[in-house]
């Protein structure tokens, strides 16, 4: 059974308050200067033409820490210089957040420094789906990436695997572009503080072209919050639509393997 996200408003049109309206970007943040985009660059993705790395920092929600009430996630997305590139805010059903946890459906609204929504990443809620690769044969987890809103530029889909987590990056026509393979054992804790690397490879899986890394955030943050830090790297000359799709992979991996406090110390849901 699949439950899709609510109907999307037109590009540039703000939805009603409480129905996915992006939270204003953090005040006082140093934002990356907006570059000029090319003819084939979706509006708002011009930033991606000049970077080969993004840092995704989930904000700590104090209300969630003290009450264990699952709140909507918020993320700062920065370049390697620490300049903020985007801000991301989750829209999801309250009941699904409390009852379904990381398996919930969501829409991730990605805004630029003018609070314009330039990208949307959506995942449907699916019953009986999970992190195990065997489920991917009938109920694969998947996110769709829109840029601009209403125009799909790519998908990230969970792939069948017997051990290590695997994903496939697809274009708008669902043609395979790249593969993602994670570690066999996803574990972070006192005795395992290294990064958890999900390597991005070509279709033949003979060379690595990028990486999505879950970074160690410190003992207290890892044990008592679900706020995670990620890094994603890709070739500078990679198509911006594929770069945007790789950013979408960050949120899928975060929700599948690191969204619960306990998930930082074991292998998922």
C-alpha atoms as a PDB file:
ATOM      1  CA  UNK A   1       0.000   0.000   0.000  1.00  0.00           C
ATOM      2  CA  UNK A   2       1.371   3.431  -0.940  1.00  0.00           C
ATOM      3  CA  UNK A   3       0.261   6.826   0.286  1.00  0.00           C
ATOM      4  CA  UNK A   4       1.555   9.721  -1.816  1.00  0.00           C
ATOM      5  CA  UNK A   5       2.404  13.206  -0.582  1.00  0.00           C
ATOM      6  CA  UNK A   6      -0.122  16.026  -0.873  1.00  0.00           C
ATOM      7  CA  UNK A   7      -0.560  17.922  -4.125  1.00  0.00           C
ATOM      8  CA  UNK A   8       2.313  20.303  -4.881  1.00  0.00           C
ATOM      9  CA  UNK A   9       1.744  24.034  -5.479  1.00  0.00           C
ATOM     10  CA  UNK A  10       3.058  25.705  -8.615  1.00  0.00           C
ATOM     11  CA  UNK A  11       6.737  26.615  -8.799  1.00  0.00           C
ATOM     12  CA  UNK A  12       7.474  29.799  -6.867  1.00  0.00           C
ATOM     13  CA  UNK A  13       4.048  29.763  -5.170  1.00  0.00           C
ATOM     14  CA  UNK A  14       4.161  29.415  -1.395  1.00  0.00           C
ATOM     15  CA  UNK A  15       1.801  26.736  -0.003  1.00  0.00           C
ATOM     16  CA  UNK A  16      -0.567  27.609   2.853  1.00  0.00           C
ATOM     17  CA  UNK A  17       1.044  27.810   6.279  1.00  0.00           C
ATOM     18  CA  UNK A  18       1.258  24.379   7.859  1.00  0.00           C
ATOM     19  CA  UNK A  19       1.067  22.569   4.501  1.00  0.00           C
ATOM     20  CA  UNK A  20       4.697  22.342   3.541  1.00  0.00           C
ATOM     21  CA  UNK A  21       5.566  26.018   3.662  1.00  0.00           C
ATOM     22  CA  UNK A  22       9.373  26.145   3.883  1.00  0.00           C
ATOM     23  CA  UNK A  23      10.801  27.412   7.138  1.00  0.00           C
ATOM     24  CA  UNK A  24      12.762  30.664   6.594  1.00  0.00           C
ATOM     25  CA  UNK A  25      16.529  30.099   6.314  1.00  0.00           C
ATOM     26  CA  UNK A  26      18.657  30.545   9.404  1.00  0.00           C
ATOM     27  CA  UNK A  27      19.293  34.224  10.031  1.00  0.00           C
ATOM     28  CA  UNK A  28      22.905  35.316  10.264  1.00  0.00           C
ATOM     29  CA  UNK A  29      24.136  32.455   8.088  1.00  0.00           C
ATOM     30  CA  UNK A  30      26.850  33.181   5.529  1.00  0.00           C
ATOM     31  CA  UNK A  31      25.320  32.301   2.185  1.00  0.00           C
ATOM     32  CA  UNK A  32      27.173  31.274  -0.950  1.00  0.00           C
ATOM     33  CA  UNK A  33      26.989  34.010  -3.641  1.00  0.00           C
ATOM     34  CA  UNK A  34      24.557  33.079  -6.402  1.00  0.00           C
ATOM     35  CA  UNK A  35      26.397  32.220  -9.647  1.00  0.00           C
ATOM     36  CA  UNK A  36      25.082  32.586 -13.187  1.00  0.00           C
ATOM     37  CA  UNK A  37      23.335  29.503 -14.501  1.00  0.00           C
ATOM     38  CA  UNK A  38      23.571  27.890 -17.920  1.00  0.00           C
ATOM     39  CA  UNK A  39      20.806  27.453 -20.460  1.00  0.00           C
ATOM     40  CA  UNK A  40      20.092  23.867 -19.392  1.00  0.00           C
ATOM     41  CA  UNK A  41      20.384  24.504 -15.658  1.00  0.00           C
ATOM     42  CA  UNK A  42      17.108  24.349 -13.710  1.00  0.00           C
ATOM     43  CA  UNK A  43      16.512  27.610 -11.806  1.00  0.00           C
ATOM     44  CA  UNK A  44      18.065  27.456  -8.360  1.00  0.00           C
ATOM     45  CA  UNK A  45      20.592  24.746  -9.201  1.00  0.00           C
ATOM     46  CA  UNK A  46      23.193  27.246 -10.454  1.00  0.00           C
ATOM     47  CA  UNK A  47      25.033  26.823  -7.148  1.00  0.00           C
ATOM     48  CA  UNK A  48      25.762  23.185  -7.992  1.00  0.00           C
ATOM     49  CA  UNK A  49      27.720  24.124 -11.129  1.00  0.00           C
ATOM     50  CA  UNK A  50      30.583  25.488  -8.990  1.00  0.00           C
ATOM     51  CA  UNK A  51      30.931  22.875  -6.242  1.00  0.00           C
ATOM     52  CA  UNK A  52      32.068  19.277  -5.947  1.00  0.00           C
ATOM     53  CA  UNK A  53      31.050  18.758  -2.321  1.00  0.00           C
ATOM     54  CA  UNK A  54      28.046  19.437  -0.100  1.00  0.00           C
ATOM     55  CA  UNK A  55      27.831  19.224   3.686  1.00  0.00           C
ATOM     56  CA  UNK A  56      24.397  18.418   5.100  1.00  0.00           C
ATOM     57  CA  UNK A  57      23.932  19.281   8.775  1.00  0.00           C
ATOM     58  CA  UNK A  58      20.698  18.304  10.486  1.00  0.00           C
ATOM     59  CA  UNK A  59      19.581  20.773  13.140  1.00  0.00           C
ATOM     60  CA  UNK A  60      19.107  19.604  16.716  1.00  0.00           C
ATOM     61  CA  UNK A  61      15.473  19.867  17.799  1.00  0.00           C
ATOM     62  CA  UNK A  62      15.493  20.465  21.574  1.00  0.00           C
ATOM     63  CA  UNK A  63      11.781  19.697  21.927  1.00  0.00           C
ATOM     64  CA  UNK A  64      12.423  16.271  20.389  1.00  0.00           C
ATOM     65  CA  UNK A  65      15.435  15.650  22.636  1.00  0.00           C
ATOM     66  CA  UNK A  66      13.498  16.313  25.859  1.00  0.00           C
ATOM     67  CA  UNK A  67      10.127  14.798  24.929  1.00  0.00           C
ATOM     68  CA  UNK A  68      11.012  12.059  22.402  1.00  0.00           C
ATOM     69  CA  UNK A  69       8.236  13.497  20.214  1.00  0.00           C
ATOM     70  CA  UNK A  70       9.335  13.109  16.596  1.00  0.00           C
ATOM     71  CA  UNK A  71       9.439  16.504  14.888  1.00  0.00           C
ATOM     72  CA  UNK A  72       9.951  17.424  11.241  1.00  0.00           C
ATOM     73  CA  UNK A  73      13.623  17.444  10.271  1.00  0.00           C
ATOM     74  CA  UNK A  74      15.496  20.567   9.187  1.00  0.00           C
ATOM     75  CA  UNK A  75      18.887  20.715   7.494  1.00  0.00           C
ATOM     76  CA  UNK A  76      21.507  23.294   6.569  1.00  0.00           C
ATOM     77  CA  UNK A  77      23.258  22.471   3.285  1.00  0.00           C
ATOM     78  CA  UNK A  78      26.688  24.074   2.908  1.00  0.00           C
ATOM     79  CA  UNK A  79      29.670  24.055   0.566  1.00  0.00           C
ATOM     80  CA  UNK A  80      33.200  23.071   1.594  1.00  0.00           C
ATOM     81  CA  UNK A  81      33.896  26.667   2.734  1.00  0.00           C
ATOM     82  CA  UNK A  82      31.051  26.545   5.217  1.00  0.00           C
ATOM     83  CA  UNK A  83      28.863  28.889   3.167  1.00  0.00           C
ATOM     84  CA  UNK A  84      25.208  27.933   3.200  1.00  0.00           C
ATOM     85  CA  UNK A  85      23.871  26.862  -0.182  1.00  0.00           C
ATOM     86  CA  UNK A  86      20.377  25.636   0.683  1.00  0.00           C
ATOM     87  CA  UNK A  87      18.034  25.035   3.591  1.00  0.00           C
ATOM     88  CA  UNK A  88      15.853  21.912   3.713  1.00  0.00           C
ATOM     89  CA  UNK A  89      12.677  21.374   5.708  1.00  0.00           C
ATOM     90  CA  UNK A  90      10.652  18.185   6.000  1.00  0.00           C
ATOM     91  CA  UNK A  91       6.892  18.063   5.465  1.00  0.00           C
ATOM     92  CA  UNK A  92       5.254  14.856   6.725  1.00  0.00           C
ATOM     93  CA  UNK A  93       2.183  13.562   8.481  1.00  0.00           C
ATOM     94  CA  UNK A  94       2.323  13.879  12.290  1.00  0.00           C
ATOM     95  CA  UNK A  95       0.840  10.441  12.878  1.00  0.00           C
ATOM     96  CA  UNK A  96       3.324   8.830  10.488  1.00  0.00           C
ATOM     97  CA  UNK A  97       6.230  10.549  12.265  1.00  0.00           C
ATOM     98  CA  UNK A  98       5.165   9.114  15.625  1.00  0.00           C
ATOM     99  CA  UNK A  99       3.961   5.666  14.511  1.00  0.00           C
ATOM    100  CA  UNK A 100       6.054   4.849  11.435  1.00  0.00           C
ATOM    101  CA  UNK A 101       9.296   6.605  12.345  1.00  0.00           C
ATOM    102  CA  UNK A 102      11.886   6.550   9.561  1.00  0.00           C
ATOM    103  CA  UNK A 103       9.569   4.560   7.272  1.00  0.00           C
ATOM    104  CA  UNK A 104       7.241   7.565   6.956  1.00  0.00           C
ATOM    105  CA  UNK A 105       6.501   9.319   3.730  1.00  0.00           C
ATOM    106  CA  UNK A 106       7.826  12.854   3.382  1.00  0.00           C
ATOM    107  CA  UNK A 107       8.413  15.831   1.141  1.00  0.00           C
ATOM    108  CA  UNK A 108      11.711  17.645   1.659  1.00  0.00           C
ATOM    109  CA  UNK A 109      11.461  21.290   0.591  1.00  0.00           C
ATOM    110  CA  UNK A 110      14.833  22.748  -0.410  1.00  0.00           C
ATOM    111  CA  UNK A 111      15.046  26.553  -0.516  1.00  0.00           C
ATOM    112  CA  UNK A 112      17.743  29.050  -1.495  1.00  0.00           C
ATOM    113  CA  UNK A 113      18.838  32.247   0.264  1.00  0.00           C
ATOM    114  CA  UNK A 114      15.746  34.117  -0.958  1.00  0.00           C
ATOM    115  CA  UNK A 115      13.492  31.420   0.546  1.00  0.00           C
ATOM    116  CA  UNK A 116      12.527  30.261  -2.951  1.00  0.00           C
ATOM    117  CA  UNK A 117      11.825  26.552  -3.170  1.00  0.00           C
ATOM    118  CA  UNK A 118      14.197  25.283  -5.850  1.00  0.00           C
ATOM    119  CA  UNK A 119      14.034  21.541  -5.233  1.00  0.00           C
ATOM    120  CA  UNK A 120      11.638  19.029  -3.718  1.00  0.00           C
ATOM    121  CA  UNK A 121      12.491  15.470  -2.665  1.00  0.00           C
ATOM    122  CA  UNK A 122       9.559  13.155  -1.994  1.00  0.00           C
ATOM    123  CA  UNK A 123       9.151   9.623  -0.717  1.00  0.00           C
ATOM    124  CA  UNK A 124       5.898   7.688  -0.416  1.00  0.00           C
ATOM    125  CA  UNK A 125       5.009   5.765   2.706  1.00  0.00           C
ATOM    126  CA  UNK A 126       5.165   2.028   2.037  1.00  0.00           C
ATOM    127  CA  UNK A 127       3.929  -0.694   4.349  1.00  0.00           C
ATOM    128  CA  UNK A 128       6.285  -3.607   5.016  1.00  0.00           C
ATOM    129  CA  UNK A 129       9.263  -1.836   3.453  1.00  0.00           C
ATOM    130  CA  UNK A 130      12.546  -1.712   5.344  1.00  0.00           C
ATOM    131  CA  UNK A 131      16.294  -1.408   5.179  1.00  0.00           C
ATOM    132  CA  UNK A 132      16.877  -5.070   4.288  1.00  0.00           C
ATOM    133  CA  UNK A 133      17.877  -5.433   0.649  1.00  0.00           C
ATOM    134  CA  UNK A 134      15.580  -8.422   0.184  1.00  0.00           C
ATOM    135  CA  UNK A 135      12.534  -6.116   0.500  1.00  0.00           C
ATOM    136  CA  UNK A 136      13.703  -4.105  -2.492  1.00  0.00           C
ATOM    137  CA  UNK A 137      12.394  -6.778  -4.854  1.00  0.00           C
ATOM    138  CA  UNK A 138       8.754  -5.928  -4.075  1.00  0.00           C
ATOM    139  CA  UNK A 139       8.753  -2.783  -1.929  1.00  0.00           C
ATOM    140  CA  UNK A 140      11.856  -0.707  -2.751  1.00  0.00           C
ATOM    141  CA  UNK A 141      12.330   2.577  -0.955  1.00  0.00           C
ATOM    142  CA  UNK A 142      12.590   5.423  -3.462  1.00  0.00           C
ATOM    143  CA  UNK A 143      12.797   9.202  -3.589  1.00  0.00           C
ATOM    144  CA  UNK A 144      11.907  11.448  -6.519  1.00  0.00           C
ATOM    145  CA  UNK A 145      13.742  14.731  -7.038  1.00  0.00           C
ATOM    146  CA  UNK A 146      11.975  17.694  -8.643  1.00  0.00           C
ATOM    147  CA  UNK A 147      13.806  20.811  -9.867  1.00  0.00           C
ATOM    148  CA  UNK A 148      11.958  23.042 -10.517  1.00  0.00           C
ATOM    149  CA  UNK A 149       8.883  21.908  -8.619  1.00  0.00           C
ATOM    150  CA  UNK A 150       6.727  19.689 -10.801  1.00  0.00           C
ATOM    151  CA  UNK A 151       9.609  18.609 -13.050  1.00  0.00           C
ATOM    152  CA  UNK A 152      11.270  15.343 -12.031  1.00  0.00           C
ATOM    153  CA  UNK A 153      15.019  15.289 -12.748  1.00  0.00           C
ATOM    154  CA  UNK A 154      15.882  11.953 -11.173  1.00  0.00           C
ATOM    155  CA  UNK A 155      15.169   9.140  -8.739  1.00  0.00           C
ATOM    156  CA  UNK A 156      17.120   7.181  -6.147  1.00  0.00           C
ATOM    157  CA  UNK A 157      15.811   3.636  -5.718  1.00  0.00           C
ATOM    158  CA  UNK A 158      16.759   0.921  -3.248  1.00  0.00           C
ATOM    159  CA  UNK A 159      18.249  -2.083  -5.048  1.00  0.00           C
ATOM    160  CA  UNK A 160      18.051  -5.770  -4.200  1.00  0.00           C
ATOM    161  CA  UNK A 161      21.056  -6.911  -2.185  1.00  0.00           C
ATOM    162  CA  UNK A 162      21.884  -9.824   0.076  1.00  0.00           C
ATOM    163  CA  UNK A 163      24.192  -7.940   2.435  1.00  0.00           C
ATOM    164  CA  UNK A 164      25.456  -4.390   1.889  1.00  0.00           C
ATOM    165  CA  UNK A 165      22.815  -1.705   1.179  1.00  0.00           C
ATOM    166  CA  UNK A 166      22.616  -0.732  -2.489  1.00  0.00           C
ATOM    167  CA  UNK A 167      20.820   1.968  -4.433  1.00  0.00           C
ATOM    168  CA  UNK A 168      20.482   3.007  -8.065  1.00  0.00           C
ATOM    169  CA  UNK A 169      20.507   6.597  -9.333  1.00  0.00           C
ATOM    170  CA  UNK A 170      18.072   7.046 -12.229  1.00  0.00           C
ATOM    171  CA  UNK A 171      17.368   9.929 -14.583  1.00  0.00           C
ATOM    172  CA  UNK A 172      13.925  11.405 -15.234  1.00  0.00           C
ATOM    173  CA  UNK A 173      13.142   8.573 -17.683  1.00  0.00           C
ATOM    174  CA  UNK A 174      14.199   5.963 -15.084  1.00  0.00           C
ATOM    175  CA  UNK A 175      17.320   5.037 -17.023  1.00  0.00           C
ATOM    176  CA  UNK A 176      20.124   3.874 -14.729  1.00  0.00           C
ATOM    177  CA  UNK A 177      23.025   6.290 -14.335  1.00  0.00           C
ATOM    178  CA  UNK A 178      25.028   5.330 -11.246  1.00  0.00           C
ATOM    179  CA  UNK A 179      25.140   2.797  -8.420  1.00  0.00           C
ATOM    180  CA  UNK A 180      25.508   3.378  -4.677  1.00  0.00           C
ATOM    181  CA  UNK A 181      26.911   0.730  -2.335  1.00  0.00           C
ATOM    182  CA  UNK A 182      27.071   1.153   1.428  1.00  0.00           C
ATOM    183  CA  UNK A 183      29.125  -0.628   4.094  1.00  0.00           C
ATOM    184  CA  UNK A 184      28.280  -4.189   5.081  1.00  0.00           C
ATOM    185  CA  UNK A 185      28.026  -3.180   8.731  1.00  0.00           C
ATOM    186  CA  UNK A 186      26.451   0.192   9.527  1.00  0.00           C
ATOM    187  CA  UNK A 187      27.613   0.978  13.037  1.00  0.00           C
ATOM    188  CA  UNK A 188      28.684   4.131  14.851  1.00  0.00           C
ATOM    189  CA  UNK A 189      29.361   4.344  18.564  1.00  0.00           C
ATOM    190  CA  UNK A 190      32.043   4.693  21.211  1.00  0.00           C
ATOM    191  CA  UNK A 191      34.166   1.988  19.636  1.00  0.00           C
ATOM    192  CA  UNK A 192      33.316   2.854  16.029  1.00  0.00           C
ATOM    193  CA  UNK A 193      33.610   6.564  15.330  1.00  0.00           C
ATOM    194  CA  UNK A 194      34.629   6.465  11.684  1.00  0.00           C
ATOM    195  CA  UNK A 195      32.542   7.762   8.792  1.00  0.00           C
ATOM    196  CA  UNK A 196      29.998   5.439   7.175  1.00  0.00           C
ATOM    197  CA  UNK A 197      30.752   5.672   3.454  1.00  0.00           C
ATOM    198  CA  UNK A 198      28.260   4.910   0.683  1.00  0.00           C
ATOM    199  CA  UNK A 199      30.344   4.836  -2.498  1.00  0.00           C
ATOM    200  CA  UNK A 200      28.879   6.101  -5.768  1.00  0.00           C
ATOM    201  CA  UNK A 201      30.091   4.011  -8.710  1.00  0.00           C
ATOM    202  CA  UNK A 202      29.592   3.726 -12.439  1.00  0.00           C
ATOM    203  CA  UNK A 203      27.092   1.184 -13.733  1.00  0.00           C
ATOM    204  CA  UNK A 204      29.792  -1.445 -14.185  1.00  0.00           C
ATOM    205  CA  UNK A 205      30.890  -0.810 -10.567  1.00  0.00           C
ATOM    206  CA  UNK A 206      34.506  -0.646 -11.739  1.00  0.00           C
ATOM    207  CA  UNK A 207      35.274   2.898 -10.587  1.00  0.00           C
ATOM    208  CA  UNK A 208      34.144   5.239  -7.807  1.00  0.00           C
ATOM    209  CA  UNK A 209      32.874   8.637  -8.956  1.00  0.00           C
ATOM    210  CA  UNK A 210      31.591  10.063  -5.669  1.00  0.00           C
ATOM    211  CA  UNK A 211      30.556   9.315  -2.128  1.00  0.00           C
ATOM    212  CA  UNK A 212      27.824   9.894   0.446  1.00  0.00           C
ATOM    213  CA  UNK A 213      29.277   9.819   3.974  1.00  0.00           C
ATOM    214  CA  UNK A 214      27.508   9.739   7.319  1.00  0.00           C
ATOM    215  CA  UNK A 215      29.972  11.636   9.497  1.00  0.00           C
ATOM    216  CA  UNK A 216      30.594  11.074  13.202  1.00  0.00           C
ATOM    217  CA  UNK A 217      28.925  13.959  15.067  1.00  0.00           C
ATOM    218  CA  UNK A 218      30.308  13.407  18.552  1.00  0.00           C
ATOM    219  CA  UNK A 219      29.279  11.021  21.308  1.00  0.00           C
ATOM    220  CA  UNK A 220      26.605  13.143  22.997  1.00  0.00           C
ATOM    221  CA  UNK A 221      24.933  14.154  19.747  1.00  0.00           C
ATOM    222  CA  UNK A 222      24.973  10.607  18.392  1.00  0.00           C
ATOM    223  CA  UNK A 223      23.563   9.030  21.555  1.00  0.00           C
ATOM    224  CA  UNK A 224      20.872  11.536  22.499  1.00  0.00           C
ATOM    225  CA  UNK A 225      19.679  13.056  19.219  1.00  0.00           C
ATOM    226  CA  UNK A 226      18.845  12.000  15.672  1.00  0.00           C
ATOM    227  CA  UNK A 227      20.628  15.046  14.209  1.00  0.00           C
ATOM    228  CA  UNK A 228      23.157  13.723  11.697  1.00  0.00           C
ATOM    229  CA  UNK A 229      25.925  15.199   9.567  1.00  0.00           C
ATOM    230  CA  UNK A 230      26.498  14.036   6.003  1.00  0.00           C
ATOM    231  CA  UNK A 231      28.924  14.833   3.234  1.00  0.00           C
ATOM    232  CA  UNK A 232      28.373  14.175  -0.454  1.00  0.00           C
ATOM    233  CA  UNK A 233      31.097  14.474  -3.097  1.00  0.00           C
ATOM    234  CA  UNK A 234      30.840  14.316  -6.882  1.00  0.00           C
ATOM    235  CA  UNK A 235      32.862  15.394  -9.950  1.00  0.00           C
ATOM    236  CA  UNK A 236      32.809  19.141 -10.581  1.00  0.00           C
ATOM    237  CA  UNK A 237      31.646  18.634 -14.190  1.00  0.00           C
ATOM    238  CA  UNK A 238      28.816  16.227 -13.307  1.00  0.00           C
ATOM    239  CA  UNK A 239      25.388  17.258 -14.614  1.00  0.00           C
ATOM    240  CA  UNK A 240      23.662  19.455 -11.997  1.00  0.00           C
ATOM    241  CA  UNK A 241      20.553  17.267 -12.253  1.00  0.00           C
ATOM    242  CA  UNK A 242      22.589  14.255 -11.199  1.00  0.00           C
ATOM    243  CA  UNK A 243      24.186  16.287  -8.400  1.00  0.00           C
ATOM    244  CA  UNK A 244      20.696  17.200  -7.187  1.00  0.00           C
ATOM    245  CA  UNK A 245      19.711  13.533  -7.332  1.00  0.00           C
ATOM    246  CA  UNK A 246      22.748  12.595  -5.251  1.00  0.00           C
ATOM    247  CA  UNK A 247      21.623  15.166  -2.676  1.00  0.00           C
ATOM    248  CA  UNK A 248      18.289  13.350  -2.640  1.00  0.00           C
ATOM    249  CA  UNK A 249      20.175  10.135  -1.862  1.00  0.00           C
ATOM    250  CA  UNK A 250      21.454  11.745   1.350  1.00  0.00           C
ATOM    251  CA  UNK A 251      17.930  12.125   2.723  1.00  0.00           C
ATOM    252  CA  UNK A 252      16.896   8.601   1.694  1.00  0.00           C
ATOM    253  CA  UNK A 253      19.964   7.097   3.396  1.00  0.00           C
ATOM    254  CA  UNK A 254      19.464   9.265   6.480  1.00  0.00           C
ATOM    255  CA  UNK A 255      15.842   8.197   6.937  1.00  0.00           C
ATOM    256  CA  UNK A 256      16.526   4.519   6.245  1.00  0.00           C
ATOM    257  CA  UNK A 257      19.577   4.008   8.462  1.00  0.00           C
ATOM    258  CA  UNK A 258      20.168   6.910  10.859  1.00  0.00           C
ATOM    259  CA  UNK A 259      16.844   8.531  11.778  1.00  0.00           C
ATOM    260  CA  UNK A 260      16.372   6.849  15.190  1.00  0.00           C
ATOM    261  CA  UNK A 261      18.857   7.404  18.021  1.00  0.00           C
ATOM    262  CA  UNK A 262      19.320   3.632  18.217  1.00  0.00           C
ATOM    263  CA  UNK A 263      20.042   3.490  14.482  1.00  0.00           C
ATOM    264  CA  UNK A 264      23.406   5.164  15.024  1.00  0.00           C
ATOM    265  CA  UNK A 265      24.479   1.958  16.737  1.00  0.00           C
ATOM    266  CA  UNK A 266      22.921  -0.726  14.583  1.00  0.00           C
ATOM    267  CA  UNK A 267      21.782  -1.517  11.080  1.00  0.00           C
ATOM    268  CA  UNK A 268      18.589   0.379  10.535  1.00  0.00           C
ATOM    269  CA  UNK A 269      14.905   0.041  11.214  1.00  0.00           C
END
